Amino acid sequence: MLMVRELGPGRTERQLTELARALDPSKLQVHVGCFHEGIRADELRLAGIPILRLPVTSFLNASAPLGAWQLGRYLRRRKIRLVHTFDYPLNCFGVPVARTFGIPVVLSSQRFHRHLTPGPYLRLLRMTDHLVNGIIVNSESVRREMIEEEHVAASRVQLCYNGIDISRFNPGARLRVPSLEDASLIIGVVCLLRPEKGLETLLRAFAQLARRDANARLLIVGSGPEQPRLEGLAQEVGIRGQTIFQSAVADVVPWLRSIDIFVLPSLSEALSNSLIEAMACGCACVASSVGGNPELIRDGETGFLFPPGDAPDLSDKLALLAEDPHLRARFVRASTIYIRERFSLQSSAARMHEIYDSYLA
């Protein structure tokens, strides 16, 4: 059974849904458990995957023991042998319940750096590290953190990179969305608008480029608490008229195919689905040298890296790419091949099969 808090539009929820559908049904009968349903629930049901919705609204009221009992009964009745939780609420809830009801293999996930975990969950999360058979991580950066800082034995930390559907995420026709057709160059990002994404760095770097090219545009696709501050900063540095804020969209592919240079200026990052998707969709990519970004961007080969928070260095790299379409094309060729070979959904599912089989054996 794969478990996540909500079957909504988030990246983790999508990874779980796509993995559940990609796993070989002749080898594994997949079940999914959650606290809340959402748009991914219909996709799972269409694929014939059963969903258990647990009525847990808080760990501090009567819904928690009720949900624990329902989960345990479901696991026993269906003779489930492996439980894999995908996010911190289900790590904290599903892991101890699965252990209590005697499930042979219990796995948790760490899909971002631990310091971003909300405080009340952190102690519980560290307790579950000692209850599981293994912890699945999605980047070498997080793997190192779990071993060196969280002191989990290396043999219990398993790396499985995120995978994307390359039949959907590919360069395609590279046609711009109508509102951006007249731009000379589009620099953009698709992400949640949160402080750790470091978008202030991108705005300040773009402001330097915008002075040389009034027809260049900065496209920010996403929603989040930082948007008012970022809009104010765009006004302050004189690029509000050249900056497009597009709220989060269900289908990011047309927007990625509109972007010439994709920038991920994160201050903290595990393994960015947005960066993987941008590389697959034919964007020349630049990213901060944090977390899992260097596992995707080979500096000077599949894109450029820059020190986190360093707007002048980012500005210099944007200028190089803006002035050299051949360099952009070289990065695009190298990065699309790299993603297709190493970060496809099929590769991710095959690796997860290996992990599951090793524990079930």
Protein backbone atom coordinates (compact mmCIF):
# COMPACT_ATOMS: atom_id res chain seq x y z
CA MET A 1 0.00 0.00 0.00
CA LEU A 2 1.23 3.48 -0.96
CA MET A 3 0.10 6.27 1.38
CA VAL A 4 -0.05 10.07 1.18
CA ARG A 5 -1.97 12.73 3.07
CA GLU A 6 -4.01 13.99 0.12
CA LEU A 7 -4.57 12.88 -3.46
CA GLY A 8 -4.41 16.47 -4.71
CA PRO A 9 -2.45 18.37 -7.37
CA GLY A 10 0.88 18.50 -5.52
CA ARG A 11 4.13 17.05 -6.83
CA THR A 12 4.38 14.24 -4.27
CA GLU A 13 0.77 13.27 -4.90
CA ARG A 14 1.41 13.15 -8.62
CA GLN A 15 4.56 11.06 -8.14
CA LEU A 16 2.63 8.56 -6.04
CA THR A 17 -0.22 8.40 -8.57
CA GLU A 18 2.05 7.92 -11.57
CA LEU A 19 4.17 5.35 -9.73
CA ALA A 20 1.07 3.41 -8.64
CA ARG A 21 -0.09 3.24 -12.25
CA ALA A 22 3.39 2.35 -13.58
CA LEU A 23 4.13 -0.54 -11.19
CA ASP A 24 3.67 -3.95 -12.85
CA PRO A 25 0.26 -5.34 -11.77
CA SER A 26 1.46 -8.88 -12.53
CA LYS A 27 4.02 -8.49 -9.73
CA LEU A 28 2.30 -6.16 -7.25
CA GLN A 29 -1.31 -5.47 -6.38
CA VAL A 30 -1.22 -1.78 -5.47
CA HIS A 31 -3.54 -0.13 -2.93
CA VAL A 32 -3.49 3.57 -2.01
CA GLY A 33 -4.34 5.11 1.35
CA CYS A 34 -4.96 8.79 2.18
CA PHE A 35 -6.63 11.19 4.59
CA HIS A 36 -8.22 13.30 1.85
CA GLU A 37 -9.13 12.60 -1.74
CA GLY A 38 -8.59 15.00 -4.65
CA ILE A 39 -8.11 15.10 -8.39
CA ARG A 40 -5.68 12.15 -8.37
CA ALA A 41 -8.30 9.82 -6.90
CA ASP A 42 -10.19 9.60 -10.20
CA GLU A 43 -6.97 8.75 -12.07
CA LEU A 44 -6.25 5.92 -9.66
CA ARG A 45 -9.76 4.50 -9.82
CA LEU A 46 -9.71 4.60 -13.62
CA ALA A 47 -6.55 2.48 -13.40
CA GLY A 48 -8.38 0.00 -11.16
CA ILE A 49 -6.39 0.87 -8.04
CA PRO A 50 -8.43 0.71 -4.81
CA ILE A 51 -8.31 3.70 -2.46
CA LEU A 52 -8.75 3.64 1.32
CA ARG A 53 -9.76 7.05 2.66
CA LEU A 54 -9.10 7.36 6.38
CA PRO A 55 -11.25 9.82 8.38
CA VAL A 56 -8.27 11.43 10.17
CA THR A 57 -8.62 15.18 10.67
CA SER A 58 -6.07 15.58 13.49
CA PHE A 59 -3.64 13.43 15.42
CA LEU A 60 -5.05 15.00 18.61
CA ASN A 61 -8.71 13.98 18.42
CA ALA A 62 -10.76 10.77 18.21
CA SER A 63 -10.39 10.56 14.43
CA ALA A 64 -6.76 9.36 14.81
CA PRO A 65 -7.44 6.10 16.73
CA LEU A 66 -10.47 5.45 14.54
CA GLY A 67 -8.37 5.90 11.40
CA ALA A 68 -5.62 3.69 12.86
CA TRP A 69 -8.09 0.89 13.52
CA GLN A 70 -9.59 1.18 10.03
CA LEU A 71 -6.14 1.13 8.43
CA GLY A 72 -4.98 -1.86 10.47
CA ARG A 73 -8.13 -3.84 9.69
CA TYR A 74 -7.77 -3.05 5.96
CA LEU A 75 -4.13 -4.16 5.92
CA ARG A 76 -4.90 -7.44 7.65
CA ARG A 77 -8.00 -8.30 5.65
CA ARG A 78 -6.20 -7.80 2.36
CA LYS A 79 -3.01 -9.48 3.57
CA ILE A 80 -0.89 -6.49 2.57
CA ARG A 81 2.82 -7.22 2.98
CA LEU A 82 4.37 -3.80 2.27
CA VAL A 83 3.39 -0.25 3.30
CA HIS A 84 5.23 2.73 1.81
CA THR A 85 4.39 6.22 3.11
CA PHE A 86 5.23 9.21 0.89
CA ASP A 87 5.02 12.36 3.04
CA TYR A 88 5.63 13.39 6.64
CA PRO A 89 2.00 13.23 7.91
CA LEU A 90 1.70 9.63 6.70
CA ASN A 91 5.23 8.79 7.84
CA CYS A 92 4.14 9.85 11.33
CA PHE A 93 0.78 8.05 11.16
CA GLY A 94 1.05 5.13 8.75
CA VAL A 95 4.43 3.79 9.87
CA PRO A 96 3.56 3.10 13.55
CA VAL A 97 0.12 1.74 12.59
CA ALA A 98 1.62 -0.65 10.03
CA ARG A 99 4.20 -1.78 12.58
CA THR A 100 1.53 -2.30 15.26
CA PHE A 101 -0.50 -4.51 12.93
CA GLY A 102 2.50 -6.63 11.97
CA ILE A 103 3.10 -5.62 8.37
CA PRO A 104 6.34 -7.35 7.29
CA VAL A 105 7.82 -4.45 5.30
CA VAL A 106 7.33 -0.80 6.24
CA LEU A 107 9.04 1.95 4.23
CA SER A 108 8.91 5.72 4.62
CA SER A 109 10.00 8.57 2.33
CA GLN A 110 12.10 11.69 2.70
CA ARG A 111 11.46 13.81 -0.39
CA PHE A 112 12.86 17.15 0.79
CA HIS A 113 15.44 18.33 3.29
CA ARG A 114 14.50 17.71 6.91
CA HIS A 115 14.90 21.32 8.08
CA LEU A 116 11.76 22.22 6.08
CA THR A 117 9.61 19.87 8.16
CA PRO A 118 7.11 21.71 10.41
CA GLY A 119 8.36 21.62 14.00
CA PRO A 120 5.62 19.52 15.62
CA TYR A 121 6.27 16.69 13.18
CA LEU A 122 10.05 16.59 13.37
CA ARG A 123 10.36 14.56 16.58
CA LEU A 124 7.71 12.09 15.40
CA LEU A 125 9.43 11.80 12.04
CA ARG A 126 12.76 10.95 13.66
CA MET A 127 11.03 8.28 15.75
CA THR A 128 9.71 6.62 12.60
CA ASP A 129 13.27 6.43 11.23
CA HIS A 130 13.84 3.66 13.80
CA LEU A 131 10.61 1.80 12.98
CA VAL A 132 10.97 1.36 9.23
CA ASN A 133 12.86 -1.23 7.22
CA GLY A 134 14.07 1.50 4.87
CA ILE A 135 13.73 5.15 3.88
CA ILE A 136 13.26 6.05 0.20
CA VAL A 137 14.87 9.33 -0.89
CA ASN A 138 14.68 11.07 -4.25
CA SER A 139 18.17 12.61 -4.44
CA GLU A 140 21.73 11.82 -3.46
CA SER A 141 21.72 15.12 -1.56
CA VAL A 142 18.90 13.96 0.75
CA ARG A 143 20.53 10.54 1.06
CA ARG A 144 23.72 12.16 2.38
CA GLU A 145 21.72 14.28 4.81
CA MET A 146 19.88 11.26 6.22
CA ILE A 147 23.15 9.39 6.75
CA GLU A 148 25.41 12.21 7.95
CA GLU A 149 22.99 14.45 9.86
CA GLU A 150 20.09 12.18 10.83
CA HIS A 151 22.42 9.22 11.53
CA VAL A 152 20.41 6.61 9.64
CA ALA A 153 22.46 3.59 8.56
CA ALA A 154 23.47 3.87 4.90
CA SER A 155 22.09 0.40 4.18
CA ARG A 156 18.60 1.59 5.15
CA VAL A 157 18.50 4.65 2.86
CA GLN A 158 17.46 3.80 -0.71
CA LEU A 159 17.69 6.21 -3.64
CA CYS A 160 14.92 6.28 -6.24
CA TYR A 161 14.87 9.32 -8.49
CA ASN A 162 11.57 10.93 -9.42
CA GLY A 163 10.35 9.98 -12.87
CA ILE A 164 8.26 11.85 -15.41
CA ASP A 165 6.10 10.74 -18.31
CA ILE A 166 8.34 11.57 -21.27
CA SER A 167 5.48 10.99 -23.71
CA ARG A 168 3.95 14.11 -22.14
CA PHE A 169 7.02 16.10 -21.08
CA ASN A 170 9.05 16.59 -24.25
CA PRO A 171 10.05 19.55 -26.47
CA GLY A 172 7.09 19.07 -28.82
CA ALA A 173 6.38 21.99 -31.14
CA ARG A 174 7.76 24.62 -28.72
CA LEU A 175 4.92 27.02 -29.53
CA ARG A 176 4.46 29.96 -27.17
CA VAL A 177 1.20 30.62 -25.39
CA PRO A 178 -0.64 33.52 -27.11
CA SER A 179 0.06 36.09 -24.39
CA LEU A 180 3.83 35.67 -24.87
CA GLU A 181 4.08 35.49 -28.66
CA ASP A 182 5.69 38.93 -29.06
CA ALA A 183 8.50 38.48 -26.50
CA SER A 184 12.06 38.44 -27.83
CA LEU A 185 13.18 36.10 -25.04
CA ILE A 186 11.31 34.41 -22.20
CA ILE A 187 13.04 33.59 -18.94
CA GLY A 188 10.82 31.68 -16.57
CA VAL A 189 10.21 29.36 -13.67
CA VAL A 190 7.41 27.04 -12.56
CA CYS A 191 7.28 26.52 -8.79
CA LEU A 192 5.46 27.21 -5.55
CA LEU A 193 5.97 30.83 -4.51
CA ARG A 194 7.63 30.14 -1.18
CA PRO A 195 10.68 31.71 0.53
CA GLU A 196 12.98 28.71 -0.02
CA LYS A 197 12.57 29.03 -3.80
CA GLY A 198 14.79 32.13 -3.78
CA LEU A 199 12.78 33.97 -6.42
CA GLU A 200 14.07 37.36 -5.28
CA THR A 201 17.43 36.35 -6.80
CA LEU A 202 15.78 35.70 -10.16
CA LEU A 203 13.94 39.03 -10.19
CA ARG A 204 17.10 41.00 -9.40
CA ALA A 205 19.11 39.10 -12.03
CA PHE A 206 16.44 39.59 -14.68
CA ALA A 207 16.36 43.32 -13.94
CA GLN A 208 19.94 43.55 -15.26
CA LEU A 209 19.04 41.75 -18.48
CA ALA A 210 15.85 43.78 -18.94
CA ARG A 211 17.86 46.99 -19.19
CA ARG A 212 19.44 45.64 -22.39
CA ASP A 213 16.30 44.07 -23.90
CA ALA A 214 12.97 45.76 -23.31
CA ASN A 215 11.14 42.95 -25.12
CA ALA A 216 12.43 40.20 -22.84
CA ARG A 217 9.88 38.77 -20.41
CA LEU A 218 10.08 37.11 -17.02
CA LEU A 219 7.40 34.44 -16.55
CA ILE A 220 6.63 33.13 -13.05
CA VAL A 221 4.11 30.28 -13.05
CA GLY A 222 2.84 29.27 -9.64
CA SER A 223 0.94 30.33 -6.55
CA GLY A 224 1.95 30.85 -2.96
CA PRO A 225 2.43 33.23 -0.04
CA GLU A 226 5.40 35.06 -1.61
CA GLN A 227 3.45 36.47 -4.55
CA PRO A 228 2.56 39.90 -3.06
CA ARG A 229 6.16 40.48 -1.96
CA LEU A 230 7.52 39.39 -5.34
CA GLU A 231 5.12 41.68 -7.19
CA GLY A 232 6.28 44.54 -4.99
CA LEU A 233 9.93 43.71 -5.66
CA ALA A 234 9.29 43.58 -9.43
CA GLN A 235 7.85 47.09 -9.17
CA GLU A 236 10.79 48.25 -7.04
CA VAL A 237 13.48 47.05 -9.48
CA GLY A 238 11.61 48.39 -12.51
CA ILE A 239 10.50 45.16 -14.23
CA ARG A 240 6.82 44.94 -13.27
CA GLY A 241 5.77 45.66 -16.87
CA GLN A 242 8.03 42.87 -18.15
CA THR A 243 7.03 40.29 -15.52
CA ILE A 244 4.07 37.95 -15.91
CA PHE A 245 2.69 36.26 -12.80
CA GLN A 246 0.62 33.26 -13.88
CA SER A 247 -1.18 31.43 -11.09
CA ALA A 248 -0.67 27.67 -10.80
CA VAL A 249 -2.02 25.68 -13.74
CA ALA A 250 -3.04 22.03 -14.09
CA ASP A 251 -1.04 21.56 -17.30
CA VAL A 252 2.40 23.18 -17.20
CA VAL A 253 3.61 21.78 -20.55
CA PRO A 254 2.45 24.70 -22.78
CA TRP A 255 4.09 27.15 -20.38
CA LEU A 256 7.36 25.22 -20.25
CA ARG A 257 7.42 25.04 -24.05
CA SER A 258 7.08 28.84 -24.08
CA ILE A 259 10.17 29.38 -21.91
CA ASP A 260 13.57 29.84 -23.55
CA ILE A 261 15.64 29.88 -20.35
CA PHE A 262 14.30 28.16 -17.22
CA VAL A 263 15.77 29.29 -13.90
CA LEU A 264 15.43 27.50 -10.56
CA PRO A 265 17.03 29.82 -7.95
CA SER A 266 16.20 27.71 -4.87
CA LEU A 267 17.91 28.24 -1.54
CA SER A 268 16.97 24.66 -0.59
CA GLU A 269 15.96 21.84 -2.92
CA ALA A 270 15.86 18.04 -2.86
CA LEU A 271 15.14 16.92 -6.41
CA SER A 272 13.01 19.36 -8.38
CA ASN A 273 10.28 17.92 -10.58
CA SER A 274 9.94 21.35 -12.17
CA LEU A 275 13.58 21.33 -13.23
CA ILE A 276 13.29 17.78 -14.61
CA GLU A 277 10.18 18.76 -16.57
CA ALA A 278 11.78 21.95 -17.90
CA MET A 279 14.82 20.05 -19.12
CA ALA A 280 12.59 17.45 -20.78
CA CYS A 281 10.47 20.15 -22.46
CA GLY A 282 13.40 21.79 -24.23
CA CYS A 283 14.30 24.72 -21.98
CA ALA A 284 17.91 25.80 -21.52
CA CYS A 285 18.23 25.55 -17.75
CA VAL A 286 20.06 27.43 -15.00
CA ALA A 287 19.81 26.39 -11.34
CA SER A 288 21.34 27.19 -7.98
CA SER A 289 23.99 24.73 -6.83
CA VAL A 290 21.99 23.39 -3.88
CA GLY A 291 20.54 20.01 -2.95
CA GLY A 292 19.78 17.76 -5.89
CA ASN A 293 20.16 20.45 -8.57
CA PRO A 294 23.75 19.39 -9.42
CA GLU A 295 22.43 15.85 -9.96
CA LEU A 296 20.40 17.25 -12.86
CA ILE A 297 22.51 20.16 -14.11
CA ARG A 298 26.05 19.21 -15.12
CA ASP A 299 27.54 22.67 -15.16
CA GLY A 300 28.43 23.70 -18.70
CA GLU A 301 27.03 20.47 -20.18
CA THR A 302 23.30 20.21 -19.45
CA GLY A 303 22.95 23.77 -18.15
CA PHE A 304 24.52 26.29 -15.81
CA LEU A 305 24.81 26.28 -12.02
CA PHE A 306 25.24 29.41 -9.87
CA PRO A 307 25.78 30.00 -6.13
CA PRO A 308 22.44 30.31 -4.29
CA GLY A 309 21.40 33.93 -3.74
CA ASP A 310 24.07 35.29 -6.12
CA ALA A 311 22.07 37.58 -8.42
CA PRO A 312 25.13 39.04 -10.23
CA ASP A 313 26.43 35.59 -11.16
CA LEU A 314 22.98 34.50 -12.30
CA SER A 315 22.68 37.70 -14.34
CA ASP A 316 26.00 36.94 -16.08
CA LYS A 317 24.86 33.43 -16.99
CA LEU A 318 21.51 34.70 -18.27
CA ALA A 319 23.35 37.21 -20.44
CA LEU A 320 25.54 34.45 -21.92
CA LEU A 321 22.53 32.35 -22.80
CA ALA A 322 20.49 35.31 -24.05
CA GLU A 323 23.25 36.27 -26.48
CA ASP A 324 24.10 32.76 -27.69
CA PRO A 325 21.22 30.70 -29.13
CA HIS A 326 23.70 27.98 -30.15
CA LEU A 327 24.73 27.51 -26.52
CA ARG A 328 21.06 27.28 -25.52
CA ALA A 329 20.49 24.66 -28.23
CA ARG A 330 23.50 22.63 -27.04
CA PHE A 331 22.22 22.60 -23.47
CA VAL A 332 18.75 21.58 -24.67
CA ARG A 333 20.06 18.64 -26.71
CA ALA A 334 22.19 17.34 -23.85
CA SER A 335 19.56 17.80 -21.15
CA THR A 336 16.66 16.20 -23.02
CA ILE A 337 18.76 13.09 -23.66
CA TYR A 338 19.92 13.01 -20.02
CA ILE A 339 16.37 13.22 -18.67
CA ARG A 340 15.01 10.67 -21.14
CA GLU A 341 17.69 8.15 -20.18
CA ARG A 342 17.71 8.59 -16.40
CA PHE A 343 14.51 10.24 -15.17
CA SER A 344 11.67 8.60 -17.05
CA LEU A 345 8.68 7.21 -15.18
CA GLN A 346 9.65 3.75 -16.45
CA SER A 347 13.14 4.08 -14.91
CA SER A 348 11.66 5.22 -11.60
CA ALA A 349 9.13 2.38 -11.51
CA ALA A 350 11.82 -0.19 -12.34
CA ARG A 351 14.01 1.11 -9.52
CA MET A 352 11.10 1.04 -7.07
CA HIS A 353 10.37 -2.57 -8.08
CA GLU A 354 13.99 -3.40 -7.23
CA ILE A 355 13.66 -1.79 -3.80
CA TYR A 356 10.33 -3.46 -3.00
CA ASP A 357 11.56 -6.86 -4.21
CA SER A 358 14.73 -6.61 -2.11
CA TYR A 359 12.68 -6.12 1.07
CA LEU A 360 9.91 -8.57 0.25
CA ALA A 361 12.49 -11.25 -0.48
